[in-house]
Amino acid sequence: MLVQVIDEVIKYSLGEVNATIIYGYFKKINCPVDKIPENLDFFSMELRRLLGSGRGQILGSAPILERAILKALCKKLEINCQFEGPVNFAEYVKKLKEVYNHGKDDAC
């Protein structure tokens, strides 16, 4: 489901052509899209390297894209999520997985 959400958000936000470029980049560095769930920290780091994370880079689009992915994932999982301050993408995905699998809370 995470791969599907990532694909939907990237294509919606950046368009098909840019999504193809991004996926090609990740494939080239040995992290094809289907392996992203196993490499969340690496995905986040490389996405920030590719798109920027702020201060002088394309409006810091990587953190914005990560938040959009997390919001879309929360919606699909029917989990109420709220973000305050910077979000660690990998940790938040792990937290969502735990909440979804174990029903610890209905909010993150």
PDB file of N, CA and C in Angstrom:
ATOM      1  N   MET A   1       0.826  -1.190   0.000  1.00  0.00           N
ATOM      2  CA  MET A   1       0.000   0.000   0.000  1.00  0.00           C
ATOM      3  C   MET A   1       0.873   1.257   0.000  1.00  0.00           C
ATOM      4  N   LEU A   2       1.986   1.216   0.729  1.00  0.00           N
ATOM      5  CA  LEU A   2       2.876   2.378   0.795  1.00  0.00           C
ATOM      6  C   LEU A   2       3.405   2.736  -0.589  1.00  0.00           C
ATOM      7  N   VAL A   3       3.813   1.739  -1.361  1.00  0.00           N
ATOM      8  CA  VAL A   3       4.331   1.987  -2.704  1.00  0.00           C
ATOM      9  C   VAL A   3       3.247   2.627  -3.575  1.00  0.00           C
ATOM     10  N   GLN A   4       2.031   2.142  -3.452  1.00  0.00           N
ATOM     11  CA  GLN A   4       0.914   2.695  -4.211  1.00  0.00           C
ATOM     12  C   GLN A   4       0.679   4.158  -3.842  1.00  0.00           C
ATOM     13  N   VAL A   5       0.707   4.466  -2.556  1.00  0.00           N
ATOM     14  CA  VAL A   5       0.488   5.840  -2.097  1.00  0.00           C
ATOM     15  C   VAL A   5       1.626   6.746  -2.570  1.00  0.00           C
ATOM     16  N   ILE A   6       2.856   6.278  -2.448  1.00  0.00           N
ATOM     17  CA  ILE A   6       4.004   7.063  -2.913  1.00  0.00           C
ATOM     18  C   ILE A   6       3.841   7.373  -4.401  1.00  0.00           C
ATOM     19  N   ASP A   7       3.482   6.373  -5.179  1.00  0.00           N
ATOM     20  CA  ASP A   7       3.297   6.550  -6.612  1.00  0.00           C
ATOM     21  C   ASP A   7       2.198   7.568  -6.904  1.00  0.00           C
ATOM     22  N   GLU A   8       1.072   7.430  -6.249  1.00  0.00           N
ATOM     23  CA  GLU A   8      -0.046   8.355  -6.467  1.00  0.00           C
ATOM     24  C   GLU A   8       0.342   9.792  -6.131  1.00  0.00           C
ATOM     25  N   VAL A   9       0.985   9.994  -4.998  1.00  0.00           N
ATOM     26  CA  VAL A   9       1.336  11.347  -4.555  1.00  0.00           C
ATOM     27  C   VAL A   9       2.404  11.965  -5.457  1.00  0.00           C
ATOM     28  N   ILE A  10       3.411  11.204  -5.809  1.00  0.00           N
ATOM     29  CA  ILE A  10       4.465  11.741  -6.672  1.00  0.00           C
ATOM     30  C   ILE A  10       3.898  12.099  -8.043  1.00  0.00           C
ATOM     31  N   LYS A  11       3.096  11.220  -8.614  1.00  0.00           N
ATOM     32  CA  LYS A  11       2.521  11.502  -9.931  1.00  0.00           C
ATOM     33  C   LYS A  11       1.554  12.682  -9.882  1.00  0.00           C
ATOM     34  N   TYR A  12       0.744  12.752  -8.845  1.00  0.00           N
ATOM     35  CA  TYR A  12      -0.202  13.857  -8.712  1.00  0.00           C
ATOM     36  C   TYR A  12       0.530  15.180  -8.489  1.00  0.00           C
ATOM     37  N   SER A  13       1.545  15.157  -7.652  1.00  0.00           N
ATOM     38  CA  SER A  13       2.261  16.379  -7.277  1.00  0.00           C
ATOM     39  C   SER A  13       3.238  16.855  -8.339  1.00  0.00           C
ATOM     40  N   LEU A  14       3.944  15.920  -8.958  1.00  0.00           N
ATOM     41  CA  LEU A  14       5.036  16.286  -9.857  1.00  0.00           C
ATOM     42  C   LEU A  14       4.807  15.921 -11.316  1.00  0.00           C
ATOM     43  N   GLY A  15       3.789  15.125 -11.577  1.00  0.00           N
ATOM     44  CA  GLY A  15       3.490  14.723 -12.944  1.00  0.00           C
ATOM     45  C   GLY A  15       4.165  13.422 -13.331  1.00  0.00           C
ATOM     46  N   GLU A  16       3.643  12.818 -14.400  1.00  0.00           N
ATOM     47  CA  GLU A  16       4.125  11.525 -14.871  1.00  0.00           C
ATOM     48  C   GLU A  16       5.610  11.561 -15.273  1.00  0.00           C
ATOM     49  N   VAL A  17       5.992  12.592 -16.010  1.00  0.00           N
ATOM     50  CA  VAL A  17       7.372  12.664 -16.502  1.00  0.00           C
ATOM     51  C   VAL A  17       8.353  12.751 -15.341  1.00  0.00           C
ATOM     52  N   ASN A  18       8.082  13.622 -14.387  1.00  0.00           N
ATOM     53  CA  ASN A  18       8.974  13.757 -13.231  1.00  0.00           C
ATOM     54  C   ASN A  18       8.970  12.500 -12.375  1.00  0.00           C
ATOM     55  N   ALA A  19       7.827  11.850 -12.260  1.00  0.00           N
ATOM     56  CA  ALA A  19       7.762  10.589 -11.514  1.00  0.00           C
ATOM     57  C   ALA A  19       8.668   9.554 -12.174  1.00  0.00           C
ATOM     58  N   THR A  20       8.633   9.481 -13.492  1.00  0.00           N
ATOM     59  CA  THR A  20       9.486   8.544 -14.224  1.00  0.00           C
ATOM     60  C   THR A  20      10.958   8.847 -13.979  1.00  0.00           C
ATOM     61  N   ILE A  21      11.308  10.127 -13.960  1.00  0.00           N
ATOM     62  CA  ILE A  21      12.692  10.531 -13.701  1.00  0.00           C
ATOM     63  C   ILE A  21      13.103  10.130 -12.285  1.00  0.00           C
ATOM     64  N   ILE A  22      12.239  10.388 -11.325  1.00  0.00           N
ATOM     65  CA  ILE A  22      12.532  10.051  -9.924  1.00  0.00           C
ATOM     66  C   ILE A  22      12.691   8.535  -9.766  1.00  0.00           C
ATOM     67  N   TYR A  23      11.788   7.765 -10.353  1.00  0.00           N
ATOM     68  CA  TYR A  23      11.873   6.309 -10.245  1.00  0.00           C
ATOM     69  C   TYR A  23      13.127   5.782 -10.932  1.00  0.00           C
ATOM     70  N   GLY A  24      13.484   6.393 -12.048  1.00  0.00           N
ATOM     71  CA  GLY A  24      14.718   6.010 -12.744  1.00  0.00           C
ATOM     72  C   GLY A  24      15.940   6.268 -11.876  1.00  0.00           C
ATOM     73  N   TYR A  25      15.926   7.405 -11.183  1.00  0.00           N
ATOM     74  CA  TYR A  25      17.032   7.736 -10.275  1.00  0.00           C
ATOM     75  C   TYR A  25      17.132   6.693  -9.166  1.00  0.00           C
ATOM     76  N   PHE A  26      16.003   6.360  -8.555  1.00  0.00           N
ATOM     77  CA  PHE A  26      16.033   5.381  -7.467  1.00  0.00           C
ATOM     78  C   PHE A  26      16.438   3.996  -7.960  1.00  0.00           C
ATOM     79  N   LYS A  27      16.019   3.638  -9.145  1.00  0.00           N
ATOM     80  CA  LYS A  27      16.436   2.350  -9.706  1.00  0.00           C
ATOM     81  C   LYS A  27      17.943   2.343  -9.945  1.00  0.00           C
ATOM     82  N   LYS A  28      18.465   3.461 -10.438  1.00  0.00           N
ATOM     83  CA  LYS A  28      19.894   3.581 -10.721  1.00  0.00           C
ATOM     84  C   LYS A  28      20.742   3.434  -9.453  1.00  0.00           C
ATOM     85  N   ILE A  29      20.236   3.885  -8.320  1.00  0.00           N
ATOM     86  CA  ILE A  29      20.988   3.788  -7.064  1.00  0.00           C
ATOM     87  C   ILE A  29      20.578   2.553  -6.256  1.00  0.00           C
ATOM     88  N   ASN A  30      20.040   1.563  -6.963  1.00  0.00           N
ATOM     89  CA  ASN A  30      19.680   0.261  -6.372  1.00  0.00           C
ATOM     90  C   ASN A  30      18.602   0.334  -5.307  1.00  0.00           C
ATOM     91  N   CYS A  31      17.637   1.202  -5.511  1.00  0.00           N
ATOM     92  CA  CYS A  31      16.478   1.268  -4.613  1.00  0.00           C
ATOM     93  C   CYS A  31      15.219   1.445  -5.460  1.00  0.00           C
ATOM     94  N   PRO A  32      14.851   0.397  -6.230  1.00  0.00           N
ATOM     95  CA  PRO A  32      13.643   0.527  -7.048  1.00  0.00           C
ATOM     96  C   PRO A  32      12.423   0.739  -6.162  1.00  0.00           C
ATOM     97  N   VAL A  33      11.391   1.261  -6.741  1.00  0.00           N
ATOM     98  CA  VAL A  33      10.192   1.650  -5.997  1.00  0.00           C
ATOM     99  C   VAL A  33       9.668   0.530  -5.108  1.00  0.00           C
ATOM    100  N   ASP A  34       9.679  -0.686  -5.577  1.00  0.00           N
ATOM    101  CA  ASP A  34       9.139  -1.785  -4.785  1.00  0.00           C
ATOM    102  C   ASP A  34       9.990  -2.112  -3.557  1.00  0.00           C
ATOM    103  N   LYS A  35      11.199  -1.571  -3.482  1.00  0.00           N
ATOM    104  CA  LYS A  35      12.076  -1.798  -2.327  1.00  0.00           C
ATOM    105  C   LYS A  35      12.053  -0.630  -1.333  1.00  0.00           C
ATOM    106  N   ILE A  36      11.305   0.412  -1.630  1.00  0.00           N
ATOM    107  CA  ILE A  36      11.253   1.583  -0.746  1.00  0.00           C
ATOM    108  C   ILE A  36      10.788   1.225   0.667  1.00  0.00           C
ATOM    109  N   PRO A  37       9.738   0.413   0.831  1.00  0.00           N
ATOM    110  CA  PRO A  37       9.304   0.108   2.210  1.00  0.00           C
ATOM    111  C   PRO A  37      10.400  -0.512   3.075  1.00  0.00           C
ATOM    112  N   GLU A  38      11.365  -1.170   2.463  1.00  0.00           N
ATOM    113  CA  GLU A  38      12.467  -1.779   3.199  1.00  0.00           C
ATOM    114  C   GLU A  38      13.620  -0.804   3.417  1.00  0.00           C
ATOM    115  N   ASN A  39      13.551   0.355   2.777  1.00  0.00           N
ATOM    116  CA  ASN A  39      14.643   1.328   2.818  1.00  0.00           C
ATOM    117  C   ASN A  39      14.106   2.745   3.048  1.00  0.00           C
ATOM    118  N   LEU A  40      13.269   2.915   4.048  1.00  0.00           N
ATOM    119  CA  LEU A  40      12.597   4.191   4.267  1.00  0.00           C
ATOM    120  C   LEU A  40      13.556   5.339   4.561  1.00  0.00           C
ATOM    121  N   ASP A  41      14.548   5.098   5.397  1.00  0.00           N
ATOM    122  CA  ASP A  41      15.510   6.163   5.706  1.00  0.00           C
ATOM    123  C   ASP A  41      16.284   6.570   4.449  1.00  0.00           C
ATOM    124  N   PHE A  42      16.708   5.588   3.683  1.00  0.00           N
ATOM    125  CA  PHE A  42      17.450   5.845   2.455  1.00  0.00           C
ATOM    126  C   PHE A  42      16.571   6.602   1.453  1.00  0.00           C
ATOM    127  N   PHE A  43      15.317   6.173   1.314  1.00  0.00           N
ATOM    128  CA  PHE A  43      14.380   6.842   0.411  1.00  0.00           C
ATOM    129  C   PHE A  43      14.233   8.311   0.790  1.00  0.00           C
ATOM    130  N   SER A  44      14.018   8.578   2.063  1.00  0.00           N
ATOM    131  CA  SER A  44      13.851   9.953   2.527  1.00  0.00           C
ATOM    132  C   SER A  44      15.108  10.779   2.276  1.00  0.00           C
ATOM    133  N   MET A  45      16.258  10.224   2.605  1.00  0.00           N
ATOM    134  CA  MET A  45      17.522  10.934   2.420  1.00  0.00           C
ATOM    135  C   MET A  45      17.759  11.253   0.940  1.00  0.00           C
ATOM    136  N   GLU A  46      17.543  10.280   0.077  1.00  0.00           N
ATOM    137  CA  GLU A  46      17.773  10.492  -1.346  1.00  0.00           C
ATOM    138  C   GLU A  46      16.717  11.406  -1.969  1.00  0.00           C
ATOM    139  N   LEU A  47      15.493  11.317  -1.498  1.00  0.00           N
ATOM    140  CA  LEU A  47      14.453  12.224  -1.982  1.00  0.00           C
ATOM    141  C   LEU A  47      14.815  13.666  -1.629  1.00  0.00           C
ATOM    142  N   ARG A  48      15.319  13.872  -0.428  1.00  0.00           N
ATOM    143  CA  ARG A  48      15.750  15.210  -0.002  1.00  0.00           C
ATOM    144  C   ARG A  48      16.970  15.665  -0.801  1.00  0.00           C
ATOM    145  N   ARG A  49      17.854  14.753  -1.101  1.00  0.00           N
ATOM    146  CA  ARG A  49      19.021  15.104  -1.907  1.00  0.00           C
ATOM    147  C   ARG A  49      18.586  15.486  -3.324  1.00  0.00           C
ATOM    148  N   LEU A  50      17.620  14.752  -3.852  1.00  0.00           N
ATOM    149  CA  LEU A  50      17.154  14.966  -5.215  1.00  0.00           C
ATOM    150  C   LEU A  50      16.288  16.220  -5.347  1.00  0.00           C
ATOM    151  N   LEU A  51      15.338  16.396  -4.420  1.00  0.00           N
ATOM    152  CA  LEU A  51      14.371  17.489  -4.535  1.00  0.00           C
ATOM    153  C   LEU A  51      14.651  18.674  -3.622  1.00  0.00           C
ATOM    154  N   GLY A  52      15.499  18.483  -2.654  1.00  0.00           N
ATOM    155  CA  GLY A  52      15.800  19.554  -1.715  1.00  0.00           C
ATOM    156  C   GLY A  52      14.966  19.431  -0.452  1.00  0.00           C
ATOM    157  N   SER A  53      15.510  19.989   0.604  1.00  0.00           N
ATOM    158  CA  SER A  53      14.812  19.927   1.890  1.00  0.00           C
ATOM    159  C   SER A  53      14.642  21.317   2.498  1.00  0.00           C
ATOM    160  N   GLY A  54      14.894  22.338   1.731  1.00  0.00           N
ATOM    161  CA  GLY A  54      14.687  23.697   2.225  1.00  0.00           C
ATOM    162  C   GLY A  54      15.873  24.579   1.919  1.00  0.00           C
ATOM    163  N   ARG A  55      15.789  25.805   2.361  1.00  0.00           N
ATOM    164  CA  ARG A  55      16.864  26.788   2.223  1.00  0.00           C
ATOM    165  C   ARG A  55      17.555  26.761   0.861  1.00  0.00           C
ATOM    166  N   GLY A  56      16.960  27.441  -0.080  1.00  0.00           N
ATOM    167  CA  GLY A  56      17.585  27.607  -1.373  1.00  0.00           C
ATOM    168  C   GLY A  56      17.370  26.478  -2.359  1.00  0.00           C
ATOM    169  N   GLN A  57      16.598  25.507  -1.992  1.00  0.00           N
ATOM    170  CA  GLN A  57      16.335  24.407  -2.907  1.00  0.00           C
ATOM    171  C   GLN A  57      14.851  24.385  -3.212  1.00  0.00           C
ATOM    172  N   ILE A  58      14.493  24.127  -4.376  1.00  0.00           N
ATOM    173  CA  ILE A  58      13.131  24.054  -4.881  1.00  0.00           C
ATOM    174  C   ILE A  58      12.057  24.056  -3.782  1.00  0.00           C
ATOM    175  N   LEU A  59      12.052  25.095  -2.992  1.00  0.00           N
ATOM    176  CA  LEU A  59      11.064  25.280  -1.934  1.00  0.00           C
ATOM    177  C   LEU A  59      11.036  24.153  -0.914  1.00  0.00           C
ATOM    178  N   GLY A  60      12.118  23.416  -0.815  1.00  0.00           N
ATOM    179  CA  GLY A  60      12.149  22.311   0.149  1.00  0.00           C
ATOM    180  C   GLY A  60      11.057  21.313  -0.147  1.00  0.00           C
ATOM    181  N   SER A  61      10.953  20.908  -1.403  1.00  0.00           N
ATOM    182  CA  SER A  61       9.819  20.095  -1.821  1.00  0.00           C
ATOM    183  C   SER A  61       9.809  18.675  -1.258  1.00  0.00           C
ATOM    184  N   ALA A  62      10.946  18.122  -0.878  1.00  0.00           N
ATOM    185  CA  ALA A  62      10.955  16.749  -0.351  1.00  0.00           C
ATOM    186  C   ALA A  62      10.150  16.628   0.947  1.00  0.00           C
ATOM    187  N   PRO A  63      10.355  17.501   1.946  1.00  0.00           N
ATOM    188  CA  PRO A  63       9.541  17.383   3.160  1.00  0.00           C
ATOM    189  C   PRO A  63       8.045  17.588   2.890  1.00  0.00           C
ATOM    190  N   ILE A  64       7.732  18.450   1.950  1.00  0.00           N
ATOM    191  CA  ILE A  64       6.327  18.674   1.589  1.00  0.00           C
ATOM    192  C   ILE A  64       5.752  17.410   0.963  1.00  0.00           C
ATOM    193  N   LEU A  65       6.520  16.797   0.081  1.00  0.00           N
ATOM    194  CA  LEU A  65       6.089  15.558  -0.563  1.00  0.00           C
ATOM    195  C   LEU A  65       5.955  14.434   0.461  1.00  0.00           C
ATOM    196  N   GLU A  66       6.891  14.345   1.388  1.00  0.00           N
ATOM    197  CA  GLU A  66       6.808  13.321   2.434  1.00  0.00           C
ATOM    198  C   GLU A  66       5.546  13.504   3.270  1.00  0.00           C
ATOM    199  N   ARG A  67       5.224  14.722   3.644  1.00  0.00           N
ATOM    200  CA  ARG A  67       4.002  14.972   4.414  1.00  0.00           C
ATOM    201  C   ARG A  67       2.764  14.595   3.611  1.00  0.00           C
ATOM    202  N   ALA A  68       2.762  14.908   2.322  1.00  0.00           N
ATOM    203  CA  ALA A  68       1.629  14.543   1.476  1.00  0.00           C
ATOM    204  C   ALA A  68       1.478  13.027   1.406  1.00  0.00           C
ATOM    205  N   ILE A  69       2.598  12.322   1.309  1.00  0.00           N
ATOM    206  CA  ILE A  69       2.563  10.856   1.293  1.00  0.00           C
ATOM    207  C   ILE A  69       2.001  10.336   2.613  1.00  0.00           C
ATOM    208  N   LEU A  70       2.473  10.880   3.721  1.00  0.00           N
ATOM    209  CA  LEU A  70       1.992  10.443   5.033  1.00  0.00           C
ATOM    210  C   LEU A  70       0.505  10.725   5.208  1.00  0.00           C
ATOM    211  N   LYS A  71       0.046  11.893   4.778  1.00  0.00           N
ATOM    212  CA  LYS A  71      -1.382  12.223   4.893  1.00  0.00           C
ATOM    213  C   LYS A  71      -2.224  11.273   4.048  1.00  0.00           C
ATOM    214  N   ALA A  72      -1.772  10.991   2.830  1.00  0.00           N
ATOM    215  CA  ALA A  72      -2.506  10.071   1.962  1.00  0.00           C
ATOM    216  C   ALA A  72      -2.517   8.662   2.545  1.00  0.00           C
ATOM    217  N   LEU A  73      -1.406   8.254   3.132  1.00  0.00           N
ATOM    218  CA  LEU A  73      -1.332   6.933   3.753  1.00  0.00           C
ATOM    219  C   LEU A  73      -2.267   6.848   4.956  1.00  0.00           C
ATOM    220  N   CYS A  74      -2.275   7.874   5.768  1.00  0.00           N
ATOM    221  CA  CYS A  74      -3.188   7.905   6.922  1.00  0.00           C
ATOM    222  C   CYS A  74      -4.640   7.791   6.458  1.00  0.00           C
ATOM    223  N   LYS A  75      -4.960   8.500   5.390  1.00  0.00           N
ATOM    224  CA  LYS A  75      -6.329   8.464   4.874  1.00  0.00           C
ATOM    225  C   LYS A  75      -6.691   7.059   4.406  1.00  0.00           C
ATOM    226  N   LYS A  76      -5.782   6.399   3.673  1.00  0.00           N
ATOM    227  CA  LYS A  76      -6.046   5.041   3.196  1.00  0.00           C
ATOM    228  C   LYS A  76      -6.195   4.054   4.350  1.00  0.00           C
ATOM    229  N   LEU A  77      -5.391   4.266   5.399  1.00  0.00           N
ATOM    230  CA  LEU A  77      -5.433   3.365   6.554  1.00  0.00           C
ATOM    231  C   LEU A  77      -6.539   3.736   7.539  1.00  0.00           C
ATOM    232  N   GLU A  78      -7.199   4.857   7.262  1.00  0.00           N
ATOM    233  CA  GLU A  78      -8.256   5.386   8.133  1.00  0.00           C
ATOM    234  C   GLU A  78      -7.732   5.639   9.542  1.00  0.00           C
ATOM    235  N   ILE A  79      -6.563   6.273   9.589  1.00  0.00           N
ATOM    236  CA  ILE A  79      -5.930   6.645  10.850  1.00  0.00           C
ATOM    237  C   ILE A  79      -5.861   8.162  10.901  1.00  0.00           C
ATOM    238  N   ASN A  80      -6.288   8.719  12.009  1.00  0.00           N
ATOM    239  CA  ASN A  80      -6.220  10.162  12.191  1.00  0.00           C
ATOM    240  C   ASN A  80      -4.780  10.544  12.493  1.00  0.00           C
ATOM    241  N   CYS A  81      -4.208  11.443  11.706  1.00  0.00           N
ATOM    242  CA  CYS A  81      -2.830  11.844  11.946  1.00  0.00           C
ATOM    243  C   CYS A  81      -2.714  13.365  11.975  1.00  0.00           C
ATOM    244  N   GLN A  82      -1.831  13.817  12.818  1.00  0.00           N
ATOM    245  CA  GLN A  82      -1.555  15.245  12.945  1.00  0.00           C
ATOM    246  C   GLN A  82      -0.050  15.420  13.030  1.00  0.00           C
ATOM    247  N   PHE A  83       0.441  16.411  12.320  1.00  0.00           N
ATOM    248  CA  PHE A  83       1.876  16.662  12.294  1.00  0.00           C
ATOM    249  C   PHE A  83       2.169  17.975  13.001  1.00  0.00           C
ATOM    250  N   GLU A  84       3.168  17.953  13.843  1.00  0.00           N
ATOM    251  CA  GLU A  84       3.658  19.168  14.481  1.00  0.00           C
ATOM    252  C   GLU A  84       5.158  19.209  14.286  1.00  0.00           C
ATOM    253  N   GLY A  85       5.642  20.284  13.711  1.00  0.00           N
ATOM    254  CA  GLY A  85       7.076  20.422  13.500  1.00  0.00           C
ATOM    255  C   GLY A  85       7.573  19.477  12.440  1.00  0.00           C
ATOM    256  N   PRO A  86       8.886  19.348  12.347  1.00  0.00           N
ATOM    257  CA  PRO A  86       9.474  18.443  11.350  1.00  0.00           C
ATOM    258  C   PRO A  86       9.055  17.000  11.604  1.00  0.00           C
ATOM    259  N   VAL A  87       8.890  16.263  10.522  1.00  0.00           N
ATOM    260  CA  VAL A  87       8.470  14.863  10.608  1.00  0.00           C
ATOM    261  C   VAL A  87       9.584  13.976  10.057  1.00  0.00           C
ATOM    262  N   ASN A  88       9.948  12.958  10.821  1.00  0.00           N
ATOM    263  CA  ASN A  88      10.878  11.950  10.331  1.00  0.00           C
ATOM    264  C   ASN A  88      10.047  10.934   9.555  1.00  0.00           C
ATOM    265  N   PHE A  89      10.173  10.973   8.233  1.00  0.00           N
ATOM    266  CA  PHE A  89       9.341  10.153   7.364  1.00  0.00           C
ATOM    267  C   PHE A  89       9.395   8.673   7.725  1.00  0.00           C
ATOM    268  N   ALA A  90      10.585   8.131   7.830  1.00  0.00           N
ATOM    269  CA  ALA A  90      10.750   6.702   8.101  1.00  0.00           C
ATOM    270  C   ALA A  90      10.121   6.309   9.437  1.00  0.00           C
ATOM    271  N   GLU A  91      10.365   7.091  10.458  1.00  0.00           N
ATOM    272  CA  GLU A  91       9.816   6.780  11.773  1.00  0.00           C
ATOM    273  C   GLU A  91       8.289   6.873  11.785  1.00  0.00           C
ATOM    274  N   TYR A  92       7.747   7.845  11.079  1.00  0.00           N
ATOM    275  CA  TYR A  92       6.298   8.008  11.050  1.00  0.00           C
ATOM    276  C   TYR A  92       5.632   6.854  10.304  1.00  0.00           C
ATOM    277  N   VAL A  93       6.236   6.404   9.217  1.00  0.00           N
ATOM    278  CA  VAL A  93       5.689   5.251   8.491  1.00  0.00           C
ATOM    279  C   VAL A  93       5.703   4.020   9.391  1.00  0.00           C
ATOM    280  N   LYS A  94       6.787   3.815  10.119  1.00  0.00           N
ATOM    281  CA  LYS A  94       6.876   2.677  11.047  1.00  0.00           C
ATOM    282  C   LYS A  94       5.805   2.776  12.122  1.00  0.00           C
ATOM    283  N   LYS A  95       5.587   3.990  12.617  1.00  0.00           N
ATOM    284  CA  LYS A  95       4.559   4.213  13.638  1.00  0.00           C
ATOM    285  C   LYS A  95       3.170   3.915  13.074  1.00  0.00           C
ATOM    286  N   LEU A  96       2.903   4.360  11.855  1.00  0.00           N
ATOM    287  CA  LEU A  96       1.613   4.078  11.220  1.00  0.00           C
ATOM    288  C   LEU A  96       1.406   2.579  11.037  1.00  0.00           C
ATOM    289  N   LYS A  97       2.452   1.885  10.651  1.00  0.00           N
ATOM    290  CA  LYS A  97       2.366   0.436  10.465  1.00  0.00           C
ATOM    291  C   LYS A  97       2.011  -0.247  11.781  1.00  0.00           C
ATOM    292  N   GLU A  98       2.658   0.203  12.846  1.00  0.00           N
ATOM    293  CA  GLU A  98       2.378  -0.379  14.159  1.00  0.00           C
ATOM    294  C   GLU A  98       0.945  -0.097  14.604  1.00  0.00           C
ATOM    295  N   VAL A  99       0.501   1.120  14.423  1.00  0.00           N
ATOM    296  CA  VAL A  99      -0.868   1.485  14.789  1.00  0.00           C
ATOM    297  C   VAL A  99      -1.862   0.663  13.987  1.00  0.00           C
ATOM    298  N   TYR A 100      -1.612   0.543  12.696  1.00  0.00           N
ATOM    299  CA  TYR A 100      -2.523  -0.201  11.828  1.00  0.00           C
ATOM    300  C   TYR A 100      -2.552  -1.691  12.183  1.00  0.00           C
ATOM    301  N   ASN A 101      -1.380  -2.280  12.391  1.00  0.00           N
ATOM    302  CA  ASN A 101      -1.312  -3.719  12.664  1.00  0.00           C
ATOM    303  C   ASN A 101      -1.757  -4.108  14.061  1.00  0.00           C
ATOM    304  N   HIS A 102      -1.559  -3.222  15.019  1.00  0.00           N
ATOM    305  CA  HIS A 102      -1.849  -3.584  16.403  1.00  0.00           C
ATOM    306  C   HIS A 102      -2.974  -2.774  17.025  1.00  0.00           C
ATOM    307  N   GLY A 103      -3.482  -1.805  16.301  1.00  0.00           N
ATOM    308  CA  GLY A 103      -4.588  -1.014  16.797  1.00  0.00           C
ATOM    309  C   GLY A 103      -4.307  -0.324  18.114  1.00  0.00           C
ATOM    310  N   LYS A 104      -3.049   0.090  18.344  1.00  0.00           N
ATOM    311  CA  LYS A 104      -2.690   0.711  19.623  1.00  0.00           C
ATOM    312  C   LYS A 104      -3.457   2.003  19.864  1.00  0.00           C
ATOM    313  N   ASP A 105      -3.548   2.815  18.863  1.00  0.00           N
ATOM    314  CA  ASP A 105      -4.295   4.068  18.932  1.00  0.00           C
ATOM    315  C   ASP A 105      -5.012   4.228  17.616  1.00  0.00           C
ATOM    316  N   ASP A 106      -5.950   5.137  17.573  1.00  0.00           N
ATOM    317  CA  ASP A 106      -6.543   5.441  16.271  1.00  0.00           C
ATOM    318  C   ASP A 106      -6.028   6.787  15.770  1.00  0.00           C
ATOM    319  N   ALA A 107      -4.948   7.239  16.386  1.00  0.00           N
ATOM    320  CA  ALA A 107      -4.347   8.505  15.966  1.00  0.00           C
ATOM    321  C   ALA A 107      -2.833   8.439  16.115  1.00  0.00           C
ATOM    322  N   CYS A 108      -2.164   9.213  15.324  1.00  0.00           N
ATOM    323  CA  CYS A 108      -0.703   9.309  15.395  1.00  0.00           C
ATOM    324  C   CYS A 108      -0.317  10.761  15.630  1.00  0.00           C
TER     325      CYS A 108
END
